[in-house]
Protein backbone atom coordinates (compact mmCIF):
# COMPACT_ATOMS: atom_id res chain seq x y z
CA UNK A 1 38.96 87.62 51.03
CA UNK A 2 35.61 86.02 50.80
CA UNK A 3 35.41 86.27 47.11
CA UNK A 4 38.25 83.79 46.74
CA UNK A 5 36.11 81.08 48.25
CA UNK A 6 39.05 79.56 50.26
CA UNK A 7 37.41 76.98 52.76
CA UNK A 8 39.16 76.61 56.18
CA UNK A 9 39.59 72.97 56.99
CA UNK A 10 41.51 73.18 60.56
CA UNK A 11 43.81 75.62 62.26
CA UNK A 12 41.09 78.16 63.27
CA UNK A 13 43.18 78.82 66.38
CA UNK A 14 46.24 79.81 64.25
CA UNK A 15 44.81 82.35 61.95
CA UNK A 16 46.47 85.14 63.49
CA UNK A 17 49.61 84.57 61.55
CA UNK A 18 50.94 87.31 59.35
CA UNK A 19 51.23 86.29 55.74
CA UNK A 20 54.47 87.36 53.91
CA UNK A 21 54.08 85.97 50.62
CA UNK A 22 52.48 83.27 48.53
CA UNK A 23 54.09 80.49 46.85
CA UNK A 24 53.18 77.14 44.93
CA UNK A 25 55.17 74.20 45.83
CA UNK A 26 54.74 70.43 44.71
CA UNK A 27 58.21 68.99 45.93
CA UNK A 28 58.09 66.64 48.89
CA UNK A 29 60.81 68.66 50.49
CA UNK A 30 60.45 72.43 49.55
CA UNK A 31 62.50 73.69 52.55
CA UNK A 32 65.17 75.25 50.47
CA UNK A 33 62.90 77.46 48.82
CA UNK A 34 60.98 78.61 51.92
CA UNK A 35 62.09 81.40 54.41
CA UNK A 36 59.04 81.70 56.70
CA UNK A 37 55.44 83.32 56.41
CA UNK A 38 54.45 81.98 52.99
CA UNK A 39 51.03 80.96 52.23
CA UNK A 40 51.99 77.43 50.45
CA UNK A 41 49.59 76.51 47.46
CA UNK A 42 50.08 72.79 46.28
CA UNK A 43 48.42 70.39 44.00
CA UNK A 44 49.81 67.65 46.12
CA UNK A 45 51.79 66.11 43.12
CA UNK A 46 54.11 65.18 45.89
CA UNK A 47 51.60 62.78 47.59
CA UNK A 48 52.50 59.22 46.27
CA UNK A 49 51.19 57.53 49.67
CA UNK A 50 49.67 58.58 52.86
CA UNK A 51 53.08 58.75 54.72
CA UNK A 52 54.18 61.51 52.31
CA UNK A 53 51.73 63.94 53.90
CA UNK A 54 53.89 63.73 57.45
CA UNK A 55 57.00 64.58 55.63
CA UNK A 56 55.61 67.38 53.56
CA UNK A 57 53.66 69.16 56.44
CA UNK A 58 56.64 68.67 58.90
CA UNK A 59 58.94 70.54 56.59
CA UNK A 60 56.54 73.59 56.14
CA UNK A 61 55.91 73.55 60.20
CA UNK A 62 59.95 73.59 60.56
CA UNK A 63 60.10 76.46 57.86
CA UNK A 64 57.46 78.50 59.79
CA UNK A 65 55.20 79.08 56.81
CA UNK A 66 51.90 80.64 57.48
CA UNK A 67 49.45 78.20 56.08
CA UNK A 68 48.84 75.43 53.62
CA UNK A 69 46.16 75.64 50.68
CA UNK A 70 45.53 72.39 48.90
CA UNK A 71 43.65 72.39 45.21
CA UNK A 72 40.82 69.86 44.51
CA UNK A 73 41.85 68.86 41.10
CA UNK A 74 43.82 65.80 42.02
CA UNK A 75 41.90 64.48 44.89
CA UNK A 76 38.80 66.39 45.31
CA UNK A 77 39.31 67.32 48.66
CA UNK A 78 42.30 67.48 51.18
CA UNK A 79 43.04 63.42 52.07
CA UNK A 80 42.44 62.62 55.85
CA UNK A 81 46.29 62.27 56.12
CA UNK A 82 47.01 65.74 55.13
CA UNK A 83 44.45 66.99 57.45
CA UNK A 84 45.75 64.96 60.28
CA UNK A 85 49.27 66.28 59.67
CA UNK A 86 48.16 69.67 59.78
CA UNK A 87 46.22 69.13 62.81
CA UNK A 88 49.60 67.54 64.53
CA UNK A 89 51.65 70.54 63.43
CA UNK A 90 49.21 73.22 64.20
CA UNK A 91 49.28 74.39 60.41
CA UNK A 92 46.23 76.19 59.18
CA UNK A 93 44.76 74.13 56.15
CA UNK A 94 42.83 75.67 53.52
CA UNK A 95 40.81 74.07 50.58
CA UNK A 96 41.02 75.63 47.19
CA UNK A 97 37.94 74.63 45.21
CA UNK A 98 38.68 73.15 41.80
CA UNK A 99 36.91 76.32 39.81
CA UNK A 100 39.47 78.66 41.68
CA UNK A 101 42.83 78.75 40.04
CA UNK A 102 46.15 79.06 41.85
CA UNK A 103 47.00 81.98 39.68
CA UNK A 104 43.91 83.90 40.96
CA UNK A 105 44.87 83.10 44.55
CA UNK A 106 48.25 84.24 44.09
CA UNK A 107 47.23 87.51 42.15
CA UNK A 108 44.71 88.34 44.81
CA UNK A 109 47.10 88.05 47.84
CA UNK A 110 49.97 89.50 46.23
CA UNK A 111 48.11 92.73 45.32
CA UNK A 112 46.71 92.93 48.80
CA UNK A 113 50.20 92.52 50.27
CA UNK A 114 51.46 95.32 47.82
CA UNK A 115 48.61 97.64 49.14
CA UNK A 116 49.56 96.95 52.84
CA UNK A 117 53.07 97.78 52.10
CA UNK A 118 52.02 101.07 50.61
CA UNK A 119 50.02 101.76 53.65
CA UNK A 120 53.03 101.05 55.69
CA UNK A 121 54.91 103.64 54.04
CA UNK A 122 52.55 106.10 54.16
CA UNK A 123 52.16 105.48 57.99
CA UNK A 124 56.02 105.76 58.38
CA UNK A 125 55.85 109.21 56.50
CA UNK A 126 52.98 110.32 58.65
CA UNK A 127 54.55 109.37 61.91
CA UNK A 128 57.82 111.37 60.88
CA UNK A 129 55.69 114.19 60.28
CA UNK A 130 53.82 113.87 63.74
CA UNK A 131 57.20 113.66 65.51
CA UNK A 132 58.46 116.62 63.89
CA UNK A 133 55.33 118.65 64.69
CA UNK A 134 54.30 117.03 67.83
CA UNK A 135 54.99 117.99 71.54
CA UNK A 136 56.24 114.56 72.88
CA UNK A 137 57.35 113.82 76.57
CA UNK A 138 59.61 116.71 76.64
CA UNK A 139 56.74 119.22 76.85
CA UNK A 140 54.85 117.08 79.29
CA UNK A 141 57.79 117.28 81.69
CA UNK A 142 58.47 121.10 81.01
CA UNK A 143 54.59 121.51 81.96
CA UNK A 144 54.95 119.64 85.19
CA UNK A 145 58.10 121.72 86.05
CA UNK A 146 56.41 124.90 85.12
CA UNK A 147 53.16 124.49 86.74
CA UNK A 148 54.10 122.33 90.02
CA UNK A 149 57.97 123.19 90.43
CA UNK A 150 58.40 119.39 89.98
CA UNK A 151 61.71 118.48 87.99
CA UNK A 152 61.59 115.08 86.46
CA UNK A 153 63.48 113.03 84.11
CA UNK A 154 62.63 109.71 82.07
CA UNK A 155 65.53 107.09 82.23
CA UNK A 156 65.95 103.62 80.50
CA UNK A 157 67.67 100.72 82.48
CA UNK A 158 71.02 101.29 80.84
CA UNK A 159 71.24 105.00 82.12
CA UNK A 160 70.10 106.85 78.99
CA UNK A 161 67.92 110.01 79.56
CA UNK A 162 64.91 109.38 77.15
CA UNK A 163 63.60 112.83 78.13
CA UNK A 164 63.91 115.58 80.55
CA UNK A 165 65.93 118.66 81.68
CA UNK A 166 69.26 119.40 80.01
CA UNK A 167 71.10 118.65 83.47
CA UNK A 168 71.33 115.11 83.89
CA UNK A 169 70.05 113.49 87.14
CA UNK A 170 72.83 111.79 89.37
CA UNK A 171 74.71 108.83 87.81
CA UNK A 172 73.69 106.48 90.69
CA UNK A 173 70.13 106.88 90.01
CA UNK A 174 70.11 103.74 87.33
CA UNK A 175 71.98 101.35 89.81
CA UNK A 176 69.75 102.41 92.54
CA UNK A 177 66.66 101.80 90.47
CA UNK A 178 67.83 98.39 89.23
CA UNK A 179 69.02 97.13 92.69
CA UNK A 180 65.97 98.55 94.72
CA UNK A 181 64.15 96.03 96.76
CA UNK A 182 60.85 97.86 96.23
CA UNK A 183 59.79 100.96 94.29
CA UNK A 184 59.15 103.81 94.69
CA UNK A 185 62.25 104.61 96.58
CA UNK A 186 64.14 107.71 97.56
CA UNK A 187 68.26 108.08 97.17
CA UNK A 188 70.24 111.01 98.24
CA UNK A 189 73.02 112.51 96.16
CA UNK A 190 75.15 115.50 97.09
CA UNK A 191 72.90 116.00 100.03
CA UNK A 192 69.65 116.12 97.69
CA UNK A 193 66.91 113.70 97.71
CA UNK A 194 65.60 112.01 94.45
CA UNK A 195 62.58 109.64 94.04
CA UNK A 196 62.59 106.73 91.62
CA UNK A 197 59.33 105.31 90.21
CA UNK A 198 59.08 102.36 87.79
CA UNK A 199 57.20 102.98 84.55
CA UNK A 200 55.56 99.30 84.56
CA UNK A 201 56.62 97.79 87.60
CA UNK A 202 54.50 94.48 87.34
CA UNK A 203 54.34 94.14 83.33
CA UNK A 204 58.02 94.42 82.58
CA UNK A 205 61.29 93.05 83.95
CA UNK A 206 63.47 95.61 85.82
CA UNK A 207 66.36 95.27 83.43
CA UNK A 208 63.88 96.19 80.52
CA UNK A 209 61.80 98.86 82.11
CA UNK A 210 62.12 102.50 82.01
CA UNK A 211 61.92 104.75 85.23
CA UNK A 212 61.02 108.13 86.34
CA UNK A 213 63.57 110.18 88.51
CA UNK A 214 61.87 113.32 90.50
CA UNK A 215 63.89 115.89 92.11
CA UNK A 216 62.60 115.66 95.63
CA UNK A 217 61.49 113.21 98.28
CA UNK A 218 58.29 111.48 97.47
CA UNK A 219 57.54 110.73 101.18
CA UNK A 220 56.76 114.66 101.64
CA UNK A 221 54.39 114.72 98.71
CA UNK A 222 50.71 114.94 99.37
CA UNK A 223 48.50 112.22 97.66
CA UNK A 224 47.39 114.30 94.71
CA UNK A 225 51.13 114.60 93.71
CA UNK A 226 51.88 110.86 94.16
CA UNK A 227 48.82 110.12 92.05
CA UNK A 228 50.40 112.46 89.34
CA UNK A 229 53.45 110.30 89.17
CA UNK A 230 51.39 107.51 88.59
CA UNK A 231 49.44 109.37 85.85
CA UNK A 232 52.78 110.35 84.24
CA UNK A 233 54.12 106.56 84.50
CA UNK A 234 50.99 105.84 82.25
CA UNK A 235 51.77 108.55 79.70
CA UNK A 236 55.35 107.40 79.55
CA UNK A 237 54.24 103.84 78.95
CA UNK A 238 52.12 104.92 76.07
CA UNK A 239 54.81 106.69 74.62
CA UNK A 240 57.18 103.84 74.88
CA UNK A 241 54.60 101.61 73.27
CA UNK A 242 54.34 104.03 70.59
CA UNK A 243 58.32 103.93 70.16
CA UNK A 244 58.10 100.08 69.93
CA UNK A 245 59.05 99.16 66.31
CA UNK A 246 57.64 95.72 66.18
CA UNK A 247 54.49 96.79 64.77
CA UNK A 248 55.70 99.14 62.38
CA UNK A 249 56.82 98.70 58.83
CA UNK A 250 60.37 99.05 59.75
CA UNK A 251 60.30 96.70 62.67
CA UNK A 252 58.30 94.06 60.48
CA UNK A 253 61.00 94.49 57.60
CA UNK A 254 63.85 94.07 60.34
CA UNK A 255 62.31 90.86 61.55
CA UNK A 256 61.90 89.38 58.32
CA UNK A 257 65.60 90.35 57.25
CA UNK A 258 66.80 88.57 60.65
CA UNK A 259 64.71 85.42 59.72
CA UNK A 260 66.09 85.38 56.08
CA UNK A 261 69.54 85.71 57.21
CA UNK A 262 69.28 82.70 59.41
CA UNK A 263 67.51 80.57 56.96
CA UNK A 264 68.75 79.46 53.70
CA UNK A 265 67.79 82.37 51.77
CA UNK A 266 70.16 83.44 48.95
CA UNK A 267 72.56 86.34 49.57
CA UNK A 268 70.87 88.34 46.65
CA UNK A 269 67.36 88.21 48.62
CA UNK A 270 68.96 89.08 51.89
CA UNK A 271 70.70 92.33 50.11
CA UNK A 272 67.23 93.14 48.72
CA UNK A 273 65.58 92.87 52.06
CA UNK A 274 68.37 94.90 53.66
CA UNK A 275 67.70 97.90 51.12
CA UNK A 276 64.12 97.83 52.29
CA UNK A 277 65.04 98.18 55.76
CA UNK A 278 66.94 101.49 55.33
CA UNK A 279 70.29 99.70 56.30
CA UNK A 280 71.54 99.20 52.77
CA UNK A 281 73.26 102.62 52.50
CA UNK A 282 76.03 101.42 54.99
CA UNK A 283 79.13 99.88 53.73
CA UNK A 284 79.94 97.76 57.04
CA UNK A 285 77.84 95.92 59.73
CA UNK A 286 78.15 94.31 63.08
CA UNK A 287 76.07 91.50 64.34
CA UNK A 288 74.99 91.16 67.88
CA UNK A 289 73.29 88.09 69.35
CA UNK A 290 71.82 88.10 72.77
CA UNK A 291 70.01 85.66 75.19
CA UNK A 292 68.63 85.56 78.75
CA UNK A 293 68.00 82.78 81.16
CA UNK A 294 64.80 83.29 83.23
CA UNK A 295 63.23 86.61 83.74
CA UNK A 296 63.47 88.44 80.40
CA UNK A 297 60.90 87.48 77.94
CA UNK A 298 61.89 87.42 74.22
CA UNK A 299 60.03 90.98 73.49
CA UNK A 300 61.83 92.40 76.52
CA UNK A 301 65.07 90.93 75.44
CA UNK A 302 64.68 92.26 71.95
CA UNK A 303 63.78 95.70 73.17
CA UNK A 304 66.73 95.63 75.82
CA UNK A 305 69.15 94.81 72.98
CA UNK A 306 67.92 97.85 70.99
CA UNK A 307 68.12 100.05 74.00
CA UNK A 308 71.89 98.89 74.65
CA UNK A 309 72.62 99.74 71.03
CA UNK A 310 70.43 102.71 70.85
CA UNK A 311 71.97 105.29 68.41
CA UNK A 312 73.28 102.47 66.25
CA UNK A 313 69.91 102.22 64.32
CA UNK A 314 69.89 98.43 64.77
CA UNK A 315 67.59 96.09 62.77
CA UNK A 316 66.55 93.43 65.52
CA UNK A 317 64.52 90.16 65.49
CA UNK A 318 63.90 87.30 67.70
CA UNK A 319 64.87 83.67 66.46
CA UNK A 320 64.24 80.75 68.87
CA UNK A 321 64.11 83.16 71.78
CA UNK A 322 67.58 84.66 70.98
CA UNK A 323 67.45 88.38 70.07
CA UNK A 324 69.76 89.32 66.93
CA UNK A 325 70.34 92.81 65.68
CA UNK A 326 72.51 94.44 62.82
CA UNK A 327 74.21 97.53 63.18
CA UNK A 328 75.47 99.80 60.44
CA UNK A 329 79.04 100.66 61.59
CA UNK A 330 82.39 100.91 60.97
CA UNK A 331 83.72 99.95 64.20
CA UNK A 332 83.11 97.63 67.17
CA UNK A 333 80.46 98.05 69.73
CA UNK A 334 82.04 95.95 72.36
CA UNK A 335 82.87 99.05 74.65
CA UNK A 336 79.28 100.24 74.44
CA UNK A 337 77.93 96.79 75.52
CA UNK A 338 80.45 96.17 78.26
CA UNK A 339 79.31 99.57 79.57
CA UNK A 340 75.69 98.69 79.38
CA UNK A 341 76.09 95.35 81.09
CA UNK A 342 77.97 96.75 83.96
CA UNK A 343 75.14 99.17 84.47
CA UNK A 344 72.61 96.47 83.83
CA UNK A 345 73.84 93.69 86.26
CA UNK A 346 72.32 94.81 89.50
CA UNK A 347 68.91 94.55 87.88
CA UNK A 348 69.06 91.13 86.52
CA UNK A 349 68.26 89.20 89.58
CA UNK A 350 68.12 85.39 88.80
CA UNK A 351 68.42 86.20 84.86
CA UNK A 352 71.72 85.82 82.93
CA UNK A 353 72.27 87.76 79.95
CA UNK A 354 74.86 86.64 77.45
CA UNK A 355 75.73 88.57 74.17
CA UNK A 356 78.04 87.79 71.23
CA UNK A 357 79.38 90.38 69.03
CA UNK A 358 80.94 89.62 65.35
CA UNK A 359 83.49 91.33 63.41
CA UNK A 360 82.82 94.22 61.00
CA UNK A 361 81.62 92.76 57.52
CA UNK A 362 80.12 94.07 54.40
CA UNK A 363 76.65 93.15 53.10
CA UNK A 364 77.78 90.10 51.40
CA UNK A 365 78.86 88.79 54.69
CA UNK A 366 75.78 89.06 56.83
CA UNK A 367 75.02 85.37 57.45
CA UNK A 368 78.64 84.66 58.57
CA UNK A 369 78.52 87.63 60.97
CA UNK A 370 75.13 86.54 62.41
CA UNK A 371 76.59 82.81 62.87
CA UNK A 372 79.62 84.35 64.34
CA UNK A 373 77.71 86.36 66.87
CA UNK A 374 75.47 83.49 68.00
CA UNK A 375 78.64 81.55 68.52
CA UNK A 376 80.15 84.07 70.48
CA UNK A 377 76.98 84.41 72.67
CA UNK A 378 77.03 80.66 73.30
CA UNK A 379 80.63 81.13 74.48
CA UNK A 380 79.42 83.99 76.86
CA UNK A 381 76.58 81.84 78.04
CA UNK A 382 79.25 79.24 79.23
CA UNK A 383 80.96 81.85 81.51
CA UNK A 384 78.32 81.58 84.26
CA UNK A 385 77.97 85.23 85.09
CA UNK A 386 75.16 87.30 85.49
CA UNK A 387 76.11 89.31 82.50
CA UNK A 388 78.76 88.56 79.80
CA UNK A 389 79.85 89.33 76.50
CA UNK A 390 82.41 87.78 73.99
CA UNK A 391 83.61 89.55 70.97
CA UNK A 392 84.89 88.56 67.64
CA UNK A 393 88.53 88.54 68.99
CA UNK A 394 87.75 85.77 71.21
CA UNK A 395 86.36 83.32 69.00
CA UNK A 396 87.83 80.06 67.89
CA UNK A 397 90.14 80.36 64.67
CA UNK A 398 87.82 78.14 62.72
CA UNK A 399 84.75 80.37 63.22
CA UNK A 400 86.82 83.36 62.15
CA UNK A 401 87.87 81.60 59.07
CA UNK A 402 84.23 80.62 58.25
CA UNK A 403 83.08 84.24 58.70
CA UNK A 404 85.34 85.29 56.19
CA UNK A 405 83.97 83.01 53.26
CA UNK A 406 81.19 84.57 51.08
CA UNK A 407 77.72 83.32 52.11
CA UNK A 408 76.98 81.64 48.87
CA UNK A 409 80.16 79.59 49.02
CA UNK A 410 79.42 78.54 52.58
CA UNK A 411 75.88 77.66 51.78
CA UNK A 412 77.09 75.50 48.72
CA UNK A 413 79.63 73.85 50.80
CA UNK A 414 77.13 72.97 53.69
CA UNK A 415 74.47 71.77 51.25
CA UNK A 416 76.96 69.46 49.32
CA UNK A 417 78.03 67.85 52.41
CA UNK A 418 74.90 67.58 54.67
CA UNK A 419 72.01 67.92 52.29
CA UNK A 420 72.11 64.07 51.36
CA UNK A 421 72.17 63.26 55.07
CA UNK A 422 69.23 65.67 56.06
CA UNK A 423 67.10 64.40 53.21
CA UNK A 424 67.74 60.55 54.19
CA UNK A 425 66.75 61.61 57.75
CA UNK A 426 63.56 63.26 56.76
CA UNK A 427 62.63 60.34 54.33
CA UNK A 428 63.52 57.64 56.48
CA UNK A 429 63.08 58.99 60.22
CA UNK A 430 66.85 58.22 60.69
CA UNK A 431 69.39 60.19 62.83
CA UNK A 432 72.49 60.44 60.40
CA UNK A 433 73.35 64.05 61.18
CA UNK A 434 73.16 63.77 64.87
CA UNK A 435 75.20 60.47 64.52
CA UNK A 436 78.01 62.26 62.46
CA UNK A 437 78.10 65.40 64.99
CA UNK A 438 78.65 62.85 67.90
CA UNK A 439 80.98 60.77 66.33
CA UNK A 440 83.20 63.87 65.34
CA UNK A 441 82.68 65.08 68.97
CA UNK A 442 84.05 62.17 70.27
CA UNK A 443 87.24 62.09 67.96
CA UNK A 444 86.01 59.07 66.16
CA UNK A 445 85.61 56.81 69.36
CA UNK A 446 83.29 54.13 68.43
CA UNK A 447 82.64 52.95 72.22
CA UNK A 448 82.31 56.61 73.25
CA UNK A 449 79.82 57.49 70.38
CA UNK A 450 77.59 54.37 70.92
CA UNK A 451 77.47 55.14 74.50
CA UNK A 452 76.30 58.76 73.98
CA UNK A 453 73.84 57.66 71.10
CA UNK A 454 72.56 54.82 73.24
CA UNK A 455 73.19 52.13 70.20
CA UNK A 456 74.88 48.98 69.64
CA UNK A 457 78.46 49.64 68.25
CA UNK A 458 77.56 47.56 65.10
CA UNK A 459 74.32 50.01 64.57
CA UNK A 460 76.88 52.84 64.93
CA UNK A 461 79.21 51.29 62.37
CA UNK A 462 76.23 50.61 60.03
CA UNK A 463 75.23 54.40 60.18
CA UNK A 464 78.69 55.66 59.58
CA UNK A 465 78.96 53.30 56.63
CA UNK A 466 75.54 54.91 55.52
CA UNK A 467 76.81 58.33 55.83
CA UNK A 468 79.93 57.59 53.64
CA UNK A 469 77.99 55.99 51.14
CA UNK A 470 75.56 58.91 50.66
CA UNK A 471 78.24 61.58 50.77
CA UNK A 472 81.30 59.81 49.04
CA UNK A 473 83.52 60.73 51.96
CA UNK A 474 85.49 58.58 54.10
CA UNK A 475 85.53 59.38 57.89
CA UNK A 476 88.84 57.49 58.46
CA UNK A 477 90.26 60.36 56.61
CA UNK A 478 91.26 63.69 58.43
CA UNK A 479 90.41 65.93 55.60
CA UNK A 480 87.05 64.42 55.42
CA UNK A 481 86.34 64.87 59.04
CA UNK A 482 87.68 68.37 58.87
CA UNK A 483 85.16 69.06 55.95
CA UNK A 484 82.20 67.56 58.06
CA UNK A 485 83.14 69.48 61.10
CA UNK A 486 83.20 72.80 59.22
CA UNK A 487 79.86 71.89 57.60
CA UNK A 488 78.14 71.19 60.71
CA UNK A 489 79.69 74.55 62.08
CA UNK A 490 77.82 76.20 59.18
CA UNK A 491 74.34 75.03 60.13
């Protein structure tokens, strides 16, 4: 948008970020009004001293905004401390010259985003048309069988037949693929040989890959037929990439929905975004959270979670390396996940996959369901098994109670208790929230808390007194300790 005359000050290496929206902010801490992906316009009314720049920019970075644009009206140009803070936090910084109004910038970008959304919707409709009229993998496999007499199936790592003849391949092919020391390999079932080939052996983790099953022993094939298997794997890889929803309008909307749910967005905004993803017509939902230690990259983890939940029309996203999905359903998906994990375990290698599943909620309880699923996922990770899942019925009773409370009530309860401490920590470089958490974890033991925090007991007493002063609570009272414990669990 060269006609706007925005001048890049710093952050050239970060310009590939997606801008979701544009907002104007002049509060020192605007975090509660940000949900990620915004271009933030500011007149810098929040800046009363150079130190304020670090506070403001750090807040934007934590909120994962796309970029910052400062107006010239007050200072003539971005002050050095603002520029330095943006460099430290790798946040792109633009300069809005005085003759350009924020209203003009907002209108121009909003119009461009609206046009992009319309193009996305057109692309969705066009793709649906192509899927109906196109040939797909099925016709390719039919052609290979018809012309070469070579029967073949495309399988996923959880045993789903992606494409192929009506008669399924032997059930043991999936375990053989996941557990094979090297590929291709040949197995025998009911006296017949079957050959297994990976789709992306060196680029994708085995547990997240698709594979080919050929009816026959590839050791007997001429070189041309083995080359054909490689070509078919390349075709399947392209088809799989085409089905990857991350770059589609639906996929981006799903990612944005998950980000909104884990942020401080209001329930009304979450419901509105839910409608855009196409899941809004459902009455009940289940949240699923998954993480992997070693082996699986975040994009692979997200794809694997969608594969496990295939058929449930999940909306999935990744937050801090954890994949989160929402499924419109009226029943639990635990049995489906347990079956998939039993299948996947041989292919995990050194990786450990842990999954948490919430109870069934309506649209007003999405944030509670996601928090419940993430809590269950942490419990699953503590079981020290290659693959583990924890469901709603295994959670601690306080998490079940919190999950049943409406999102807005939970949000206000948390803000009322923790917001004064969070603001104080941000403004003064203090550590009151962590101090409170440690104090409660040690059941109020002054000595043990001071040891864990590496401070003197007198310093700890000062911090606790400050917490009580800022919140009006008394940490010697059991009911106040319980309130703080629940507020921390709601973060």
